[in-house]
Amino acid sequence: MNEAALVRTLVTADDPLTVLYDALVALWRAADGVDDVNGFFGERETATNRLERFVHDTYFEVYVLLLQRIRAEERARYFTPGDGPVVLLDGMSIREAALLPGCLAPHGYTVEPAGFTLSAAPSSTQAFVQRVFGVHSITALKTWNGFQVVSIRSGEVPAVLPPKVDVLVWLSYPDELLHRVKGQALTPAEALGKTVTALVDVLDKLEGSCFHLLSDHGYVYAPSARYIWKAPAGDEKELRRLFGGGRWVAAEKMDDAGFERLRSVPPQRAYALFDEQGCYVRGRYSWSTQGSGQGDVDHYGLSLMECLTPVLRVRREQK
């Protein structure tokens, strides 16, 4: 990464978020395929951490822009009846999007990038579903905006999917696989494998030849402390007290004077950003908490990999 060139491009670009998204896509590009997915994740996550740290230190205003754009984003426009089935992969990030072309090709599908959208704030499924669909849980939906809606958890794909082009499938992978269950977490390779298996099953059962893959949010991946940012000891203690093991606090719960102290931190080194809905941890700041059980992934905050989510177009090859 040419950091000097990147910052020059950022400060002159009409859309800095597009510049950052393209930089991250280039960083995670895997044109020749990947034999060691776990090693690939570790190598590229190190570079991702370095890139975002550089952005944080030299162009901190981008997080303010990110939150503003999240609030203005009209996500429903990505769900257009008549354009083919839509599969919403819970937690699909730039990482998975980089590897899906190679994973889907043997099954007769080609994958094309189609830009990016933004997560909600907080960067969670609940916030996304509330904002886009107007419900607390997508499992409550049967139809929406002309789509037949199918919710799939734990890879349990129905034997038959609706025989219509306008189908919206919500798949709980990879997010469900990446969080620890009973103290155990899958490796990136295992999570990707299970996600691809379920996704291919879904695509094979859908009608049409063109599909759109979307995501509700990405995530911070931190299997070790070297992938996160540590605040000075005193500040970290205060952050732990205010946020617990999370990366977001709702506005109605911000009655602690500590949040006002957070507001007073100079913007170039701020740990959090605020709006009328709450307070969000900025970038990749993190800390351990007793019994938090977060595992290697986390979201709900404002980081590039959490909030810049890929849009992919998948085509079924003609046989």
C-alpha atoms as a PDB file:
ATOM      1  CA  MET A   1       0.000   0.000   0.000  1.00  0.00           C
ATOM      2  CA  ASN A   2       1.339   3.402  -0.999  1.00  0.00           C
ATOM      3  CA  GLU A   3       0.136   5.378   2.018  1.00  0.00           C
ATOM      4  CA  ALA A   4       1.154   8.783   0.680  1.00  0.00           C
ATOM      5  CA  ALA A   5      -0.739   8.181  -2.565  1.00  0.00           C
ATOM      6  CA  LEU A   6      -3.758   6.924  -0.655  1.00  0.00           C
ATOM      7  CA  VAL A   7      -4.064   9.986   1.549  1.00  0.00           C
ATOM      8  CA  ARG A   8      -3.643  12.305  -1.455  1.00  0.00           C
ATOM      9  CA  THR A   9      -6.445  10.472  -3.225  1.00  0.00           C
ATOM     10  CA  LEU A  10      -8.657  10.569  -0.149  1.00  0.00           C
ATOM     11  CA  VAL A  11      -8.435  14.307   0.406  1.00  0.00           C
ATOM     12  CA  THR A  12      -9.167  15.106  -3.254  1.00  0.00           C
ATOM     13  CA  ALA A  13     -11.757  12.427  -4.027  1.00  0.00           C
ATOM     14  CA  ASP A  14     -15.430  13.211  -4.566  1.00  0.00           C
ATOM     15  CA  ASP A  15     -16.247  10.075  -2.560  1.00  0.00           C
ATOM     16  CA  PRO A  16     -13.553   9.012  -0.067  1.00  0.00           C
ATOM     17  CA  LEU A  17     -15.580   5.961   0.956  1.00  0.00           C
ATOM     18  CA  THR A  18     -15.358   4.569  -2.567  1.00  0.00           C
ATOM     19  CA  VAL A  19     -11.590   5.107  -2.481  1.00  0.00           C
ATOM     20  CA  LEU A  20     -11.340   3.193   0.790  1.00  0.00           C
ATOM     21  CA  TYR A  21     -13.634   0.413  -0.375  1.00  0.00           C
ATOM     22  CA  ASP A  22     -11.595  -0.045  -3.562  1.00  0.00           C
ATOM     23  CA  ALA A  23      -8.368  -0.059  -1.529  1.00  0.00           C
ATOM     24  CA  LEU A  24      -9.709  -2.783   0.758  1.00  0.00           C
ATOM     25  CA  VAL A  25     -11.002  -4.844  -2.169  1.00  0.00           C
ATOM     26  CA  ALA A  26      -7.576  -4.619  -3.787  1.00  0.00           C
ATOM     27  CA  LEU A  27      -5.934  -5.635  -0.512  1.00  0.00           C
ATOM     28  CA  TRP A  28      -8.139  -8.739  -0.230  1.00  0.00           C
ATOM     29  CA  ARG A  29      -8.062  -9.649  -3.922  1.00  0.00           C
ATOM     30  CA  ALA A  30      -7.475 -13.358  -4.502  1.00  0.00           C
ATOM     31  CA  ALA A  31      -7.470 -13.700  -8.273  1.00  0.00           C
ATOM     32  CA  ASP A  32      -5.477 -16.944  -8.322  1.00  0.00           C
ATOM     33  CA  GLY A  33      -7.457 -18.646  -5.589  1.00  0.00           C
ATOM     34  CA  VAL A  34      -6.440 -19.383  -2.017  1.00  0.00           C
ATOM     35  CA  ASP A  35      -5.259 -22.754  -0.745  1.00  0.00           C
ATOM     36  CA  ASP A  36      -4.758 -21.690   2.885  1.00  0.00           C
ATOM     37  CA  VAL A  37      -7.811 -19.632   3.851  1.00  0.00           C
ATOM     38  CA  ASN A  38      -6.771 -19.283   7.490  1.00  0.00           C
ATOM     39  CA  GLY A  39      -3.319 -18.063   6.519  1.00  0.00           C
ATOM     40  CA  PHE A  40      -4.833 -15.716   3.950  1.00  0.00           C
ATOM     41  CA  PHE A  41      -7.110 -14.197   6.600  1.00  0.00           C
ATOM     42  CA  GLY A  42      -4.198 -13.659   8.968  1.00  0.00           C
ATOM     43  CA  GLU A  43      -1.955 -12.079   6.337  1.00  0.00           C
ATOM     44  CA  ARG A  44      -4.583  -9.776   4.858  1.00  0.00           C
ATOM     45  CA  GLU A  45      -6.061  -8.823   8.226  1.00  0.00           C
ATOM     46  CA  THR A  46      -2.652  -7.583   9.325  1.00  0.00           C
ATOM     47  CA  ALA A  47      -2.533  -5.334   6.267  1.00  0.00           C
ATOM     48  CA  THR A  48      -6.163  -4.243   6.801  1.00  0.00           C
ATOM     49  CA  ASN A  49      -5.402  -3.242  10.371  1.00  0.00           C
ATOM     50  CA  ARG A  50      -2.402  -1.230   9.189  1.00  0.00           C
ATOM     51  CA  LEU A  51      -4.421   0.495   6.455  1.00  0.00           C
ATOM     52  CA  GLU A  52      -7.236   1.528   8.782  1.00  0.00           C
ATOM     53  CA  ARG A  53      -4.796   2.708  11.430  1.00  0.00           C
ATOM     54  CA  PHE A  54      -3.160   4.924   8.835  1.00  0.00           C
ATOM     55  CA  VAL A  55      -6.545   6.328   7.795  1.00  0.00           C
ATOM     56  CA  HIS A  56      -7.484   6.887  11.444  1.00  0.00           C
ATOM     57  CA  ASP A  57      -4.279   8.818  12.084  1.00  0.00           C
ATOM     58  CA  THR A  58      -4.198  10.905   8.909  1.00  0.00           C
ATOM     59  CA  TYR A  59      -7.802  11.334   7.778  1.00  0.00           C
ATOM     60  CA  PHE A  60      -9.897  10.904  10.916  1.00  0.00           C
ATOM     61  CA  GLU A  61     -12.766  12.925   9.384  1.00  0.00           C
ATOM     62  CA  VAL A  62     -13.699   9.897   7.285  1.00  0.00           C
ATOM     63  CA  TYR A  63     -15.490   8.347  10.266  1.00  0.00           C
ATOM     64  CA  VAL A  64     -17.748  11.382  10.561  1.00  0.00           C
ATOM     65  CA  LEU A  65     -18.479  11.069   6.841  1.00  0.00           C
ATOM     66  CA  LEU A  66     -19.114   7.344   7.270  1.00  0.00           C
ATOM     67  CA  LEU A  67     -21.718   7.910   9.986  1.00  0.00           C
ATOM     68  CA  GLN A  68     -23.387  10.669   7.979  1.00  0.00           C
ATOM     69  CA  ARG A  69     -23.594   8.458   4.905  1.00  0.00           C
ATOM     70  CA  ILE A  70     -24.940   5.558   6.927  1.00  0.00           C
ATOM     71  CA  ARG A  71     -27.782   7.748   8.161  1.00  0.00           C
ATOM     72  CA  ALA A  72     -28.547   8.959   4.634  1.00  0.00           C
ATOM     73  CA  GLU A  73     -28.258   5.558   2.933  1.00  0.00           C
ATOM     74  CA  GLU A  74     -31.406   4.253   1.233  1.00  0.00           C
ATOM     75  CA  ARG A  75     -30.774   0.540   1.508  1.00  0.00           C
ATOM     76  CA  ALA A  76     -34.139  -0.580   0.161  1.00  0.00           C
ATOM     77  CA  ARG A  77     -33.034   0.459  -3.347  1.00  0.00           C
ATOM     78  CA  TYR A  78     -30.793  -2.596  -3.475  1.00  0.00           C
ATOM     79  CA  PHE A  79     -33.848  -4.851  -3.255  1.00  0.00           C
ATOM     80  CA  THR A  80     -35.602  -4.328  -6.599  1.00  0.00           C
ATOM     81  CA  PRO A  81     -38.339  -6.730  -7.736  1.00  0.00           C
ATOM     82  CA  GLY A  82     -37.771  -7.944 -11.266  1.00  0.00           C
ATOM     83  CA  ASP A  83     -33.958  -7.879 -11.050  1.00  0.00           C
ATOM     84  CA  GLY A  84     -33.719 -11.488  -9.923  1.00  0.00           C
ATOM     85  CA  PRO A  85     -33.548 -13.236  -6.554  1.00  0.00           C
ATOM     86  CA  VAL A  86     -31.633 -11.607  -3.713  1.00  0.00           C
ATOM     87  CA  VAL A  87     -29.605 -13.501  -1.117  1.00  0.00           C
ATOM     88  CA  LEU A  88     -28.756 -11.548   2.030  1.00  0.00           C
ATOM     89  CA  LEU A  89     -25.728 -13.136   3.684  1.00  0.00           C
ATOM     90  CA  ASP A  90     -25.621 -12.163   7.351  1.00  0.00           C
ATOM     91  CA  GLY A  91     -22.173 -10.758   8.082  1.00  0.00           C
ATOM     92  CA  MET A  92     -20.635 -11.152   4.627  1.00  0.00           C
ATOM     93  CA  SER A  93     -17.637  -8.825   4.526  1.00  0.00           C
ATOM     94  CA  ILE A  94     -15.072  -7.838   1.907  1.00  0.00           C
ATOM     95  CA  ARG A  95     -13.117 -10.932   3.037  1.00  0.00           C
ATOM     96  CA  GLU A  96     -15.766 -13.444   1.966  1.00  0.00           C
ATOM     97  CA  ALA A  97     -16.578 -11.456  -1.174  1.00  0.00           C
ATOM     98  CA  ALA A  98     -12.950 -11.816  -2.278  1.00  0.00           C
ATOM     99  CA  LEU A  99     -13.079 -15.607  -1.981  1.00  0.00           C
ATOM    100  CA  LEU A 100     -16.570 -16.353  -3.300  1.00  0.00           C
ATOM    101  CA  PRO A 101     -15.628 -16.193  -7.013  1.00  0.00           C
ATOM    102  CA  GLY A 102     -13.147 -19.024  -6.595  1.00  0.00           C
ATOM    103  CA  CYS A 103     -15.491 -20.971  -4.326  1.00  0.00           C
ATOM    104  CA  LEU A 104     -18.565 -20.724  -6.578  1.00  0.00           C
ATOM    105  CA  ALA A 105     -16.870 -21.286  -9.946  1.00  0.00           C
ATOM    106  CA  PRO A 106     -16.639 -25.104  -9.548  1.00  0.00           C
ATOM    107  CA  HIS A 107     -20.394 -25.137  -8.940  1.00  0.00           C
ATOM    108  CA  GLY A 108     -21.206 -23.347 -12.191  1.00  0.00           C
ATOM    109  CA  TYR A 109     -21.513 -19.746 -10.973  1.00  0.00           C
ATOM    110  CA  THR A 110     -19.568 -16.618 -11.860  1.00  0.00           C
ATOM    111  CA  VAL A 111     -19.336 -13.709  -9.436  1.00  0.00           C
ATOM    112  CA  GLU A 112     -19.009 -10.066 -10.432  1.00  0.00           C
ATOM    113  CA  PRO A 113     -18.496  -7.085  -8.098  1.00  0.00           C
ATOM    114  CA  ALA A 114     -21.364  -4.585  -8.179  1.00  0.00           C
ATOM    115  CA  GLY A 115     -20.178  -1.894  -5.782  1.00  0.00           C
ATOM    116  CA  PHE A 116     -20.882  -1.561  -2.101  1.00  0.00           C
ATOM    117  CA  THR A 117     -23.507  -0.461   0.342  1.00  0.00           C
ATOM    118  CA  LEU A 118     -23.313   0.533   3.994  1.00  0.00           C
ATOM    119  CA  SER A 119     -24.296  -1.217   7.182  1.00  0.00           C
ATOM    120  CA  ALA A 120     -26.720   0.397   9.583  1.00  0.00           C
ATOM    121  CA  ALA A 121     -25.443   2.068  12.751  1.00  0.00           C
ATOM    122  CA  PRO A 122     -24.962   0.189  14.944  1.00  0.00           C
ATOM    123  CA  SER A 123     -23.541  -2.309  12.450  1.00  0.00           C
ATOM    124  CA  SER A 124     -25.875  -5.125  13.424  1.00  0.00           C
ATOM    125  CA  THR A 125     -28.477  -7.353  11.822  1.00  0.00           C
ATOM    126  CA  GLN A 126     -31.153  -5.970  14.138  1.00  0.00           C
ATOM    127  CA  ALA A 127     -30.496  -2.367  13.152  1.00  0.00           C
ATOM    128  CA  PHE A 128     -30.332  -3.254   9.458  1.00  0.00           C
ATOM    129  CA  VAL A 129     -33.573  -5.240   9.482  1.00  0.00           C
ATOM    130  CA  GLN A 130     -35.383  -2.511  11.414  1.00  0.00           C
ATOM    131  CA  ARG A 131     -34.160   0.188   9.026  1.00  0.00           C
ATOM    132  CA  VAL A 132     -34.770  -1.685   5.756  1.00  0.00           C
ATOM    133  CA  PHE A 133     -37.737  -3.922   6.465  1.00  0.00           C
ATOM    134  CA  GLY A 134     -39.400  -2.133   9.377  1.00  0.00           C
ATOM    135  CA  VAL A 135     -39.526  -5.218  11.609  1.00  0.00           C
ATOM    136  CA  HIS A 136     -37.504  -6.418  14.595  1.00  0.00           C
ATOM    137  CA  SER A 137     -36.661  -9.778  13.009  1.00  0.00           C
ATOM    138  CA  ILE A 138     -36.586 -10.817   9.377  1.00  0.00           C
ATOM    139  CA  THR A 139     -37.969 -14.199  10.415  1.00  0.00           C
ATOM    140  CA  ALA A 140     -41.281 -12.396  10.940  1.00  0.00           C
ATOM    141  CA  LEU A 141     -41.510 -11.543   7.228  1.00  0.00           C
ATOM    142  CA  LYS A 142     -43.201 -13.717   4.640  1.00  0.00           C
ATOM    143  CA  THR A 143     -43.530 -11.074   1.936  1.00  0.00           C
ATOM    144  CA  TRP A 144     -42.013  -7.614   1.502  1.00  0.00           C
ATOM    145  CA  ASN A 145     -42.063  -5.085  -1.319  1.00  0.00           C
ATOM    146  CA  GLY A 146     -43.089  -7.705  -3.878  1.00  0.00           C
ATOM    147  CA  PHE A 147     -40.615 -10.342  -2.655  1.00  0.00           C
ATOM    148  CA  GLN A 148     -41.320 -13.736  -1.176  1.00  0.00           C
ATOM    149  CA  VAL A 149     -39.077 -13.838   1.917  1.00  0.00           C
ATOM    150  CA  VAL A 150     -37.349 -17.005   3.135  1.00  0.00           C
ATOM    151  CA  SER A 151     -35.290 -17.043   6.349  1.00  0.00           C
ATOM    152  CA  ILE A 152     -32.661 -19.764   6.745  1.00  0.00           C
ATOM    153  CA  ARG A 153     -30.779 -20.416   9.984  1.00  0.00           C
ATOM    154  CA  SER A 154     -27.964 -22.873  10.661  1.00  0.00           C
ATOM    155  CA  GLY A 155     -27.704 -23.907   7.017  1.00  0.00           C
ATOM    156  CA  GLU A 156     -31.087 -25.646   7.059  1.00  0.00           C
ATOM    157  CA  VAL A 157     -32.065 -24.870   3.471  1.00  0.00           C
ATOM    158  CA  PRO A 158     -35.637 -25.942   2.628  1.00  0.00           C
ATOM    159  CA  ALA A 159     -36.046 -28.734   0.124  1.00  0.00           C
ATOM    160  CA  VAL A 160     -37.929 -26.339  -2.153  1.00  0.00           C
ATOM    161  CA  LEU A 161     -37.744 -22.559  -2.466  1.00  0.00           C
ATOM    162  CA  PRO A 162     -40.584 -20.422  -3.873  1.00  0.00           C
ATOM    163  CA  PRO A 163     -40.886 -20.868  -7.671  1.00  0.00           C
ATOM    164  CA  LYS A 164     -40.656 -17.162  -8.372  1.00  0.00           C
ATOM    165  CA  VAL A 165     -38.002 -14.758  -9.561  1.00  0.00           C
ATOM    166  CA  ASP A 166     -38.742 -12.230  -6.826  1.00  0.00           C
ATOM    167  CA  VAL A 167     -37.435 -14.180  -3.848  1.00  0.00           C
ATOM    168  CA  LEU A 168     -35.407 -12.707  -0.976  1.00  0.00           C
ATOM    169  CA  VAL A 169     -33.430 -15.270   1.001  1.00  0.00           C
ATOM    170  CA  TRP A 170     -31.849 -14.352   4.315  1.00  0.00           C
ATOM    171  CA  LEU A 171     -29.044 -16.738   5.270  1.00  0.00           C
ATOM    172  CA  SER A 172     -27.614 -16.569   8.803  1.00  0.00           C
ATOM    173  CA  TYR A 173     -24.123 -17.483   7.531  1.00  0.00           C
ATOM    174  CA  PRO A 174     -21.305 -16.545   7.902  1.00  0.00           C
ATOM    175  CA  ASP A 175     -22.162 -14.486  11.007  1.00  0.00           C
ATOM    176  CA  GLU A 176     -23.682 -17.371  12.933  1.00  0.00           C
ATOM    177  CA  LEU A 177     -20.587 -19.473  12.289  1.00  0.00           C
ATOM    178  CA  LEU A 178     -18.045 -16.844  13.293  1.00  0.00           C
ATOM    179  CA  HIS A 179     -19.301 -16.269  16.832  1.00  0.00           C
ATOM    180  CA  ARG A 180     -18.363 -18.694  19.539  1.00  0.00           C
ATOM    181  CA  VAL A 181     -20.960 -21.290  20.483  1.00  0.00           C
ATOM    182  CA  LYS A 182     -20.366 -23.080  23.794  1.00  0.00           C
ATOM    183  CA  GLY A 183     -16.827 -21.712  23.846  1.00  0.00           C
ATOM    184  CA  GLN A 184     -15.954 -22.986  20.361  1.00  0.00           C
ATOM    185  CA  ALA A 185     -15.448 -20.941  17.193  1.00  0.00           C
ATOM    186  CA  LEU A 186     -14.920 -22.194  13.671  1.00  0.00           C
ATOM    187  CA  THR A 187     -11.838 -21.179  11.762  1.00  0.00           C
ATOM    188  CA  PRO A 188     -12.317 -18.824   8.785  1.00  0.00           C
ATOM    189  CA  ALA A 189     -11.801 -21.786   6.447  1.00  0.00           C
ATOM    190  CA  GLU A 190     -14.467 -23.854   8.192  1.00  0.00           C
ATOM    191  CA  ALA A 191     -16.927 -20.954   8.282  1.00  0.00           C
ATOM    192  CA  LEU A 192     -16.351 -20.176   4.610  1.00  0.00           C
ATOM    193  CA  GLY A 193     -16.807 -23.809   3.630  1.00  0.00           C
ATOM    194  CA  LYS A 194     -20.139 -24.109   5.418  1.00  0.00           C
ATOM    195  CA  THR A 195     -21.285 -20.755   4.021  1.00  0.00           C
ATOM    196  CA  VAL A 196     -20.475 -21.788   0.449  1.00  0.00           C
ATOM    197  CA  THR A 197     -22.236 -25.128   0.890  1.00  0.00           C
ATOM    198  CA  ALA A 198     -25.428 -23.442   2.089  1.00  0.00           C
ATOM    199  CA  LEU A 199     -25.211 -20.676  -0.528  1.00  0.00           C
ATOM    200  CA  VAL A 200     -24.786 -23.117  -3.425  1.00  0.00           C
ATOM    201  CA  ASP A 201     -27.762 -25.105  -2.138  1.00  0.00           C
ATOM    202  CA  VAL A 202     -29.830 -21.905  -2.126  1.00  0.00           C
ATOM    203  CA  LEU A 203     -28.689 -20.788  -5.590  1.00  0.00           C
ATOM    204  CA  ASP A 204     -29.335 -24.226  -7.096  1.00  0.00           C
ATOM    205  CA  LYS A 205     -32.931 -24.080  -5.856  1.00  0.00           C
ATOM    206  CA  LEU A 206     -33.706 -20.543  -7.029  1.00  0.00           C
ATOM    207  CA  GLU A 207     -35.169 -19.715 -10.415  1.00  0.00           C
ATOM    208  CA  GLY A 208     -33.435 -17.456 -12.886  1.00  0.00           C
ATOM    209  CA  SER A 209     -29.874 -17.063 -14.050  1.00  0.00           C
ATOM    210  CA  CYS A 210     -28.821 -13.866 -12.259  1.00  0.00           C
ATOM    211  CA  PHE A 211     -28.765 -13.332  -8.502  1.00  0.00           C
ATOM    212  CA  HIS A 212     -27.692 -10.533  -6.193  1.00  0.00           C
ATOM    213  CA  LEU A 213     -25.728 -11.104  -2.995  1.00  0.00           C
ATOM    214  CA  LEU A 214     -25.952  -8.438  -0.297  1.00  0.00           C
ATOM    215  CA  SER A 215     -24.827  -8.107   3.312  1.00  0.00           C
ATOM    216  CA  ASP A 216     -26.243  -6.413   6.380  1.00  0.00           C
ATOM    217  CA  HIS A 217     -22.874  -5.750   8.071  1.00  0.00           C
ATOM    218  CA  GLY A 218     -19.256  -6.832   8.159  1.00  0.00           C
ATOM    219  CA  TYR A 219     -17.129  -7.392  11.248  1.00  0.00           C
ATOM    220  CA  VAL A 220     -13.860  -6.781  13.028  1.00  0.00           C
ATOM    221  CA  TYR A 221     -11.754  -9.947  12.920  1.00  0.00           C
ATOM    222  CA  ALA A 222      -9.283 -10.179  15.782  1.00  0.00           C
ATOM    223  CA  PRO A 223      -8.016 -13.667  16.654  1.00  0.00           C
ATOM    224  CA  SER A 224      -5.180 -12.015  18.576  1.00  0.00           C
ATOM    225  CA  ALA A 225      -4.387  -8.642  20.150  1.00  0.00           C
ATOM    226  CA  ARG A 226      -2.204  -7.594  17.217  1.00  0.00           C
ATOM    227  CA  TYR A 227      -5.315  -7.107  15.072  1.00  0.00           C
ATOM    228  CA  ILE A 228      -6.886  -4.477  17.340  1.00  0.00           C
ATOM    229  CA  TRP A 229      -6.030  -1.058  18.759  1.00  0.00           C
ATOM    230  CA  LYS A 230      -5.348  -0.619  22.440  1.00  0.00           C
ATOM    231  CA  ALA A 231      -6.098   2.650  24.204  1.00  0.00           C
ATOM    232  CA  PRO A 232      -3.781   3.825  27.022  1.00  0.00           C
ATOM    233  CA  ALA A 233      -4.447   1.920  30.242  1.00  0.00           C
ATOM    234  CA  GLY A 234      -6.513   4.636  31.936  1.00  0.00           C
ATOM    235  CA  ASP A 235      -8.607   5.302  28.851  1.00  0.00           C
ATOM    236  CA  GLU A 236      -9.123   1.596  28.240  1.00  0.00           C
ATOM    237  CA  LYS A 237     -10.409   1.142  31.764  1.00  0.00           C
ATOM    238  CA  GLU A 238     -12.955   3.903  31.172  1.00  0.00           C
ATOM    239  CA  LEU A 239     -13.991   2.468  27.799  1.00  0.00           C
ATOM    240  CA  ARG A 240     -14.470  -0.941  29.385  1.00  0.00           C
ATOM    241  CA  ARG A 241     -16.632   0.605  32.088  1.00  0.00           C
ATOM    242  CA  LEU A 242     -18.799   2.521  29.616  1.00  0.00           C
ATOM    243  CA  PHE A 243     -19.175  -0.065  26.858  1.00  0.00           C
ATOM    244  CA  GLY A 244     -18.645  -3.350  28.669  1.00  0.00           C
ATOM    245  CA  GLY A 245     -17.853  -5.893  25.960  1.00  0.00           C
ATOM    246  CA  GLY A 246     -19.780  -4.053  23.258  1.00  0.00           C
ATOM    247  CA  ARG A 247     -19.041  -1.460  20.582  1.00  0.00           C
ATOM    248  CA  TRP A 248     -22.215   0.622  20.878  1.00  0.00           C
ATOM    249  CA  VAL A 249     -24.397   2.181  23.554  1.00  0.00           C
ATOM    250  CA  ALA A 250     -27.915   3.431  22.819  1.00  0.00           C
ATOM    251  CA  ALA A 251     -28.631   7.114  23.497  1.00  0.00           C
ATOM    252  CA  GLU A 252     -31.155   6.338  26.239  1.00  0.00           C
ATOM    253  CA  LYS A 253     -28.463   4.480  28.187  1.00  0.00           C
ATOM    254  CA  MET A 254     -25.860   7.238  27.997  1.00  0.00           C
ATOM    255  CA  ASP A 255     -26.616   8.862  31.350  1.00  0.00           C
ATOM    256  CA  ASP A 256     -23.070   8.323  32.606  1.00  0.00           C
ATOM    257  CA  ALA A 257     -20.850  11.423  32.745  1.00  0.00           C
ATOM    258  CA  GLY A 258     -18.127   9.350  31.132  1.00  0.00           C
ATOM    259  CA  PHE A 259     -19.803   9.746  27.765  1.00  0.00           C
ATOM    260  CA  GLU A 260     -19.471  13.509  28.012  1.00  0.00           C
ATOM    261  CA  ARG A 261     -15.782  13.049  28.695  1.00  0.00           C
ATOM    262  CA  LEU A 262     -15.575  10.893  25.570  1.00  0.00           C
ATOM    263  CA  ARG A 263     -17.134  13.727  23.576  1.00  0.00           C
ATOM    264  CA  SER A 264     -14.357  16.065  24.710  1.00  0.00           C
ATOM    265  CA  VAL A 265     -11.526  13.905  23.363  1.00  0.00           C
ATOM    266  CA  PRO A 266      -9.909  15.730  20.399  1.00  0.00           C
ATOM    267  CA  PRO A 267     -11.352  14.376  17.120  1.00  0.00           C
ATOM    268  CA  GLN A 268      -7.986  13.244  15.755  1.00  0.00           C
ATOM    269  CA  ARG A 269      -7.706  10.658  18.535  1.00  0.00           C
ATOM    270  CA  ALA A 270     -11.353  10.084  19.461  1.00  0.00           C
ATOM    271  CA  TYR A 271     -12.329   6.601  20.558  1.00  0.00           C
ATOM    272  CA  ALA A 272     -15.998   7.022  19.710  1.00  0.00           C
ATOM    273  CA  LEU A 273     -18.486   8.986  17.627  1.00  0.00           C
ATOM    274  CA  PHE A 274     -21.944  10.164  18.662  1.00  0.00           C
ATOM    275  CA  ASP A 275     -25.243  10.873  16.995  1.00  0.00           C
ATOM    276  CA  GLU A 276     -28.810  11.166  18.222  1.00  0.00           C
ATOM    277  CA  GLN A 277     -29.170   7.380  18.368  1.00  0.00           C
ATOM    278  CA  GLY A 278     -26.107   6.453  20.368  1.00  0.00           C
ATOM    279  CA  CYS A 279     -22.350   6.241  20.778  1.00  0.00           C
ATOM    280  CA  TYR A 280     -20.189   4.010  18.563  1.00  0.00           C
ATOM    281  CA  VAL A 281     -16.641   2.765  19.039  1.00  0.00           C
ATOM    282  CA  ARG A 282     -14.543   4.122  16.175  1.00  0.00           C
ATOM    283  CA  GLY A 283     -12.113   2.037  14.160  1.00  0.00           C
ATOM    284  CA  ARG A 284     -10.636  -1.124  15.660  1.00  0.00           C
ATOM    285  CA  TYR A 285     -10.377  -0.136  19.320  1.00  0.00           C
ATOM    286  CA  SER A 286     -11.124  -3.099  21.539  1.00  0.00           C
ATOM    287  CA  TRP A 287     -10.502  -4.403  25.041  1.00  0.00           C
ATOM    288  CA  SER A 288     -11.088  -7.598  26.957  1.00  0.00           C
ATOM    289  CA  THR A 289     -13.893  -7.996  29.457  1.00  0.00           C
ATOM    290  CA  GLN A 290     -14.526 -10.845  31.820  1.00  0.00           C
ATOM    291  CA  GLY A 291     -17.061 -13.265  30.371  1.00  0.00           C
ATOM    292  CA  SER A 292     -17.653 -11.213  27.222  1.00  0.00           C
ATOM    293  CA  GLY A 293     -17.427 -14.323  25.032  1.00  0.00           C
ATOM    294  CA  GLN A 294     -17.095 -12.327  21.836  1.00  0.00           C
ATOM    295  CA  GLY A 295     -14.613 -14.696  20.261  1.00  0.00           C
ATOM    296  CA  ASP A 296     -12.585 -13.579  17.266  1.00  0.00           C
ATOM    297  CA  VAL A 297     -15.222 -11.352  15.619  1.00  0.00           C
ATOM    298  CA  ASP A 298     -17.214  -8.345  16.701  1.00  0.00           C
ATOM    299  CA  HIS A 299     -19.404  -5.637  15.191  1.00  0.00           C
ATOM    300  CA  TYR A 300     -21.870  -2.869  16.173  1.00  0.00           C
ATOM    301  CA  GLY A 301     -19.214  -0.143  15.850  1.00  0.00           C
ATOM    302  CA  LEU A 302     -17.800   2.123  13.139  1.00  0.00           C
ATOM    303  CA  SER A 303     -14.908   0.518  11.311  1.00  0.00           C
ATOM    304  CA  LEU A 304     -14.255   0.164   7.605  1.00  0.00           C
ATOM    305  CA  MET A 305     -14.661  -3.607   7.481  1.00  0.00           C
ATOM    306  CA  GLU A 306     -17.842  -3.474   9.567  1.00  0.00           C
ATOM    307  CA  CYS A 307     -19.592  -0.763   7.622  1.00  0.00           C
ATOM    308  CA  LEU A 308     -18.487  -1.025   3.961  1.00  0.00           C
ATOM    309  CA  THR A 309     -20.348  -4.096   2.717  1.00  0.00           C
ATOM    310  CA  PRO A 310     -20.053  -5.687  -0.738  1.00  0.00           C
ATOM    311  CA  VAL A 311     -22.711  -6.051  -3.400  1.00  0.00           C
ATOM    312  CA  LEU A 312     -22.134  -8.998  -5.739  1.00  0.00           C
ATOM    313  CA  ARG A 313     -23.849 -10.205  -8.893  1.00  0.00           C
ATOM    314  CA  VAL A 314     -23.868 -13.967  -9.427  1.00  0.00           C
ATOM    315  CA  ARG A 315     -24.640 -15.592 -12.775  1.00  0.00           C
ATOM    316  CA  ARG A 316     -25.499 -19.213 -13.396  1.00  0.00           C
ATOM    317  CA  GLU A 317     -23.515 -20.582 -16.285  1.00  0.00           C
ATOM    318  CA  GLN A 318     -25.520 -21.982 -19.155  1.00  0.00           C
ATOM    319  CA  LYS A 319     -25.245 -25.734 -19.462  1.00  0.00           C
END
